[in-house]
Amino acid sequence: MIEETSSGVVLFRKENDKILFLLLHYPSGHWDFVKGKMEEGETPHETAIRETQEETGITDVEFLDNYEEWIQYNFQYQGELVQKKVVFFLGETKTKDITISHEHLNFTWMDYTTAMEKTTFDNAKTVLSKAYALLTKTL
């Protein structure tokens, strides 16, 4: 079995009185957050910043304290089982227009309710709901 660790960001921005979340459309068909594999010597925050820049072009991410959410799942890759652990942080950006990388098909900014409907996997819905709960307490 292969073990991988990734890091990602639940990105949000404020527009008027709304909080909008960024979802990326992956080639396999699902909608999820920015995330990617940690490289040698990187901290989880450094990975999250790098992946955000690579996948969206966004460089102005301000992380919120008190949010670090770990998920774990397994998948098959070239006939081998991969055990994946991903840590998500919560980050605010002022950037609206993004440039998606070749790794994605599309992107969208959505309010919480719509994002919960669009997000494909249950573990991503849990990550989003915990992020929203923190935001509604602190903003």
C-alpha atoms as a PDB file:
ATOM      1  CA  MET A   1       0.000   0.000   0.000  1.00  0.00           C
ATOM      2  CA  ILE A   2       1.147   3.529  -0.847  1.00  0.00           C
ATOM      3  CA  GLU A   3       0.703   6.272   1.750  1.00  0.00           C
ATOM      4  CA  GLU A   4       0.317   9.870   0.613  1.00  0.00           C
ATOM      5  CA  THR A   5      -0.163  13.125   2.496  1.00  0.00           C
ATOM      6  CA  SER A   6      -1.692  16.168   0.876  1.00  0.00           C
ATOM      7  CA  SER A   7      -2.610  19.643   1.971  1.00  0.00           C
ATOM      8  CA  GLY A   8      -5.434  21.869   0.804  1.00  0.00           C
ATOM      9  CA  VAL A   9      -7.435  25.010   1.397  1.00  0.00           C
ATOM     10  CA  VAL A  10     -11.100  25.780   1.758  1.00  0.00           C
ATOM     11  CA  LEU A  11     -10.882  29.153   0.011  1.00  0.00           C
ATOM     12  CA  PHE A  12     -13.510  31.801   0.550  1.00  0.00           C
ATOM     13  CA  ARG A  13     -14.055  35.435  -0.295  1.00  0.00           C
ATOM     14  CA  LYS A  14     -16.583  37.994   0.809  1.00  0.00           C
ATOM     15  CA  GLU A  15     -18.851  39.639  -1.733  1.00  0.00           C
ATOM     16  CA  ASN A  16     -21.157  42.248  -0.230  1.00  0.00           C
ATOM     17  CA  ASP A  17     -22.696  40.406   2.728  1.00  0.00           C
ATOM     18  CA  LYS A  18     -22.132  36.910   1.284  1.00  0.00           C
ATOM     19  CA  ILE A  19     -19.405  34.357   1.920  1.00  0.00           C
ATOM     20  CA  LEU A  20     -18.505  32.515  -1.292  1.00  0.00           C
ATOM     21  CA  PHE A  21     -16.472  29.298  -1.441  1.00  0.00           C
ATOM     22  CA  LEU A  22     -14.239  28.155  -4.298  1.00  0.00           C
ATOM     23  CA  LEU A  23     -14.847  24.717  -5.793  1.00  0.00           C
ATOM     24  CA  LEU A  24     -12.747  23.166  -8.551  1.00  0.00           C
ATOM     25  CA  HIS A  25     -14.064  20.677 -11.107  1.00  0.00           C
ATOM     26  CA  TYR A  26     -11.703  17.714 -11.355  1.00  0.00           C
ATOM     27  CA  PRO A  27     -11.383  15.636 -14.570  1.00  0.00           C
ATOM     28  CA  SER A  28     -12.794  12.576 -12.779  1.00  0.00           C
ATOM     29  CA  GLY A  29     -16.033  14.531 -12.462  1.00  0.00           C
ATOM     30  CA  HIS A  30     -16.081  15.587  -8.822  1.00  0.00           C
ATOM     31  CA  TRP A  31     -16.117  19.082  -7.313  1.00  0.00           C
ATOM     32  CA  ASP A  32     -13.695  19.701  -4.462  1.00  0.00           C
ATOM     33  CA  PHE A  33     -11.258  22.169  -2.913  1.00  0.00           C
ATOM     34  CA  VAL A  34      -7.697  23.105  -3.819  1.00  0.00           C
ATOM     35  CA  LYS A  35      -5.332  20.365  -2.666  1.00  0.00           C
ATOM     36  CA  GLY A  36      -2.164  18.549  -3.615  1.00  0.00           C
ATOM     37  CA  LYS A  37       0.680  16.331  -2.472  1.00  0.00           C
ATOM     38  CA  MET A  38       3.182  17.613   0.034  1.00  0.00           C
ATOM     39  CA  GLU A  39       6.678  17.814  -1.406  1.00  0.00           C
ATOM     40  CA  GLU A  40       9.854  16.913   0.451  1.00  0.00           C
ATOM     41  CA  GLY A  41      10.672  19.495   3.113  1.00  0.00           C
ATOM     42  CA  GLU A  42       7.383  21.407   2.831  1.00  0.00           C
ATOM     43  CA  THR A  43       5.147  22.239   5.763  1.00  0.00           C
ATOM     44  CA  PRO A  44       1.418  21.677   5.295  1.00  0.00           C
ATOM     45  CA  HIS A  45       0.846  25.454   5.043  1.00  0.00           C
ATOM     46  CA  GLU A  46       3.589  25.809   2.418  1.00  0.00           C
ATOM     47  CA  THR A  47       1.982  23.023   0.375  1.00  0.00           C
ATOM     48  CA  ALA A  48      -1.429  24.679   0.662  1.00  0.00           C
ATOM     49  CA  ILE A  49       0.000  28.017  -0.546  1.00  0.00           C
ATOM     50  CA  ARG A  50       1.904  26.405  -3.437  1.00  0.00           C
ATOM     51  CA  GLU A  51      -1.066  24.327  -4.565  1.00  0.00           C
ATOM     52  CA  THR A  52      -3.356  27.364  -4.420  1.00  0.00           C
ATOM     53  CA  GLN A  53      -0.961  29.310  -6.646  1.00  0.00           C
ATOM     54  CA  GLU A  54      -0.489  26.409  -9.074  1.00  0.00           C
ATOM     55  CA  GLU A  55      -4.163  25.452  -9.349  1.00  0.00           C
ATOM     56  CA  THR A  56      -5.807  28.902  -9.279  1.00  0.00           C
ATOM     57  CA  GLY A  57      -3.173  31.631  -9.635  1.00  0.00           C
ATOM     58  CA  ILE A  58      -4.334  33.053  -6.288  1.00  0.00           C
ATOM     59  CA  THR A  59      -1.476  34.476  -4.218  1.00  0.00           C
ATOM     60  CA  ASP A  60      -3.330  36.468  -1.537  1.00  0.00           C
ATOM     61  CA  VAL A  61      -4.427  33.807   0.931  1.00  0.00           C
ATOM     62  CA  GLU A  62      -4.870  34.746   4.569  1.00  0.00           C
ATOM     63  CA  PHE A  63      -5.287  31.676   6.768  1.00  0.00           C
ATOM     64  CA  LEU A  64      -7.751  31.749   9.639  1.00  0.00           C
ATOM     65  CA  ASP A  65      -6.561  30.431  12.970  1.00  0.00           C
ATOM     66  CA  ASN A  66      -8.322  27.544  14.689  1.00  0.00           C
ATOM     67  CA  TYR A  67      -9.107  25.566  11.548  1.00  0.00           C
ATOM     68  CA  GLU A  68      -7.237  22.404  10.631  1.00  0.00           C
ATOM     69  CA  GLU A  69      -9.337  19.514   9.393  1.00  0.00           C
ATOM     70  CA  TRP A  70      -7.886  16.093   8.502  1.00  0.00           C
ATOM     71  CA  ILE A  71      -9.620  13.582   6.242  1.00  0.00           C
ATOM     72  CA  GLN A  72      -8.511  10.140   5.130  1.00  0.00           C
ATOM     73  CA  TYR A  73      -9.575   7.923   2.248  1.00  0.00           C
ATOM     74  CA  ASN A  74      -8.332   5.073   0.061  1.00  0.00           C
ATOM     75  CA  PHE A  75      -8.311   4.731  -3.715  1.00  0.00           C
ATOM     76  CA  GLN A  76      -6.767   2.545  -6.394  1.00  0.00           C
ATOM     77  CA  TYR A  77      -3.965   3.911  -8.572  1.00  0.00           C
ATOM     78  CA  GLN A  78      -2.497   1.690 -11.278  1.00  0.00           C
ATOM     79  CA  GLY A  79      -3.731  -1.389  -9.455  1.00  0.00           C
ATOM     80  CA  GLU A  80      -2.273  -0.412  -6.097  1.00  0.00           C
ATOM     81  CA  LEU A  81      -4.125   0.744  -2.998  1.00  0.00           C
ATOM     82  CA  VAL A  82      -3.316   4.306  -1.935  1.00  0.00           C
ATOM     83  CA  GLN A  83      -4.088   5.529   1.570  1.00  0.00           C
ATOM     84  CA  LYS A  84      -4.436   9.306   1.385  1.00  0.00           C
ATOM     85  CA  LYS A  85      -4.430  11.766   4.283  1.00  0.00           C
ATOM     86  CA  VAL A  86      -5.331  15.381   3.575  1.00  0.00           C
ATOM     87  CA  VAL A  87      -5.200  18.365   5.905  1.00  0.00           C
ATOM     88  CA  PHE A  88      -7.374  21.340   5.018  1.00  0.00           C
ATOM     89  CA  PHE A  89      -6.923  24.893   6.172  1.00  0.00           C
ATOM     90  CA  LEU A  90      -9.375  27.764   5.857  1.00  0.00           C
ATOM     91  CA  GLY A  91      -8.184  30.745   3.845  1.00  0.00           C
ATOM     92  CA  GLU A  92      -9.604  34.053   2.716  1.00  0.00           C
ATOM     93  CA  THR A  93      -8.773  35.704  -0.583  1.00  0.00           C
ATOM     94  CA  LYS A  94      -9.811  38.974  -2.215  1.00  0.00           C
ATOM     95  CA  THR A  95      -9.227  37.482  -5.690  1.00  0.00           C
ATOM     96  CA  LYS A  96     -12.364  36.791  -7.734  1.00  0.00           C
ATOM     97  CA  ASP A  97     -10.992  35.923 -11.178  1.00  0.00           C
ATOM     98  CA  ILE A  98      -8.745  32.898 -11.206  1.00  0.00           C
ATOM     99  CA  THR A  99      -6.747  30.962 -13.758  1.00  0.00           C
ATOM    100  CA  ILE A 100      -7.277  27.243 -13.331  1.00  0.00           C
ATOM    101  CA  SER A 101      -4.465  24.846 -14.102  1.00  0.00           C
ATOM    102  CA  HIS A 102      -4.502  21.955 -16.557  1.00  0.00           C
ATOM    103  CA  GLU A 103      -5.473  19.753 -13.589  1.00  0.00           C
ATOM    104  CA  HIS A 104      -9.048  21.066 -13.563  1.00  0.00           C
ATOM    105  CA  LEU A 105     -11.945  21.560 -15.966  1.00  0.00           C
ATOM    106  CA  ASN A 106     -13.666  24.525 -14.341  1.00  0.00           C
ATOM    107  CA  PHE A 107     -14.215  26.481 -11.140  1.00  0.00           C
ATOM    108  CA  THR A 108     -17.056  28.239  -9.369  1.00  0.00           C
ATOM    109  CA  TRP A 109     -17.611  30.549  -6.404  1.00  0.00           C
ATOM    110  CA  MET A 110     -20.720  29.527  -4.452  1.00  0.00           C
ATOM    111  CA  ASP A 111     -22.547  30.356  -1.261  1.00  0.00           C
ATOM    112  CA  TYR A 112     -22.517  27.745   1.479  1.00  0.00           C
ATOM    113  CA  THR A 113     -25.842  26.061   0.656  1.00  0.00           C
ATOM    114  CA  THR A 114     -25.092  25.754  -3.058  1.00  0.00           C
ATOM    115  CA  ALA A 115     -21.519  24.614  -2.378  1.00  0.00           C
ATOM    116  CA  MET A 116     -22.814  21.869  -0.063  1.00  0.00           C
ATOM    117  CA  GLU A 117     -25.056  20.622  -2.877  1.00  0.00           C
ATOM    118  CA  LYS A 118     -22.284  20.793  -5.502  1.00  0.00           C
ATOM    119  CA  THR A 119     -19.493  19.232  -3.414  1.00  0.00           C
ATOM    120  CA  THR A 120     -19.279  15.591  -4.379  1.00  0.00           C
ATOM    121  CA  PHE A 121     -17.822  13.667  -1.425  1.00  0.00           C
ATOM    122  CA  ASP A 122     -19.182  13.419   2.112  1.00  0.00           C
ATOM    123  CA  ASN A 123     -15.779  14.119   3.673  1.00  0.00           C
ATOM    124  CA  ALA A 124     -15.570  17.375   1.659  1.00  0.00           C
ATOM    125  CA  LYS A 125     -19.068  18.308   2.851  1.00  0.00           C
ATOM    126  CA  THR A 126     -17.896  17.778   6.439  1.00  0.00           C
ATOM    127  CA  VAL A 127     -14.812  19.953   5.839  1.00  0.00           C
ATOM    128  CA  LEU A 128     -17.024  22.675   4.333  1.00  0.00           C
ATOM    129  CA  SER A 129     -19.618  22.563   7.111  1.00  0.00           C
ATOM    130  CA  LYS A 130     -16.926  22.902   9.802  1.00  0.00           C
ATOM    131  CA  ALA A 131     -15.359  25.809   7.898  1.00  0.00           C
ATOM    132  CA  TYR A 132     -18.717  27.544   7.610  1.00  0.00           C
ATOM    133  CA  ALA A 133     -19.472  27.007  11.306  1.00  0.00           C
ATOM    134  CA  LEU A 134     -16.174  28.698  12.221  1.00  0.00           C
ATOM    135  CA  LEU A 135     -16.799  31.572   9.798  1.00  0.00           C
ATOM    136  CA  THR A 136     -20.286  32.263  11.111  1.00  0.00           C
ATOM    137  CA  LYS A 137     -18.855  32.475  14.634  1.00  0.00           C
ATOM    138  CA  THR A 138     -15.896  34.705  13.777  1.00  0.00           C
ATOM    139  CA  LEU A 139     -17.075  36.994  10.963  1.00  0.00           C
END
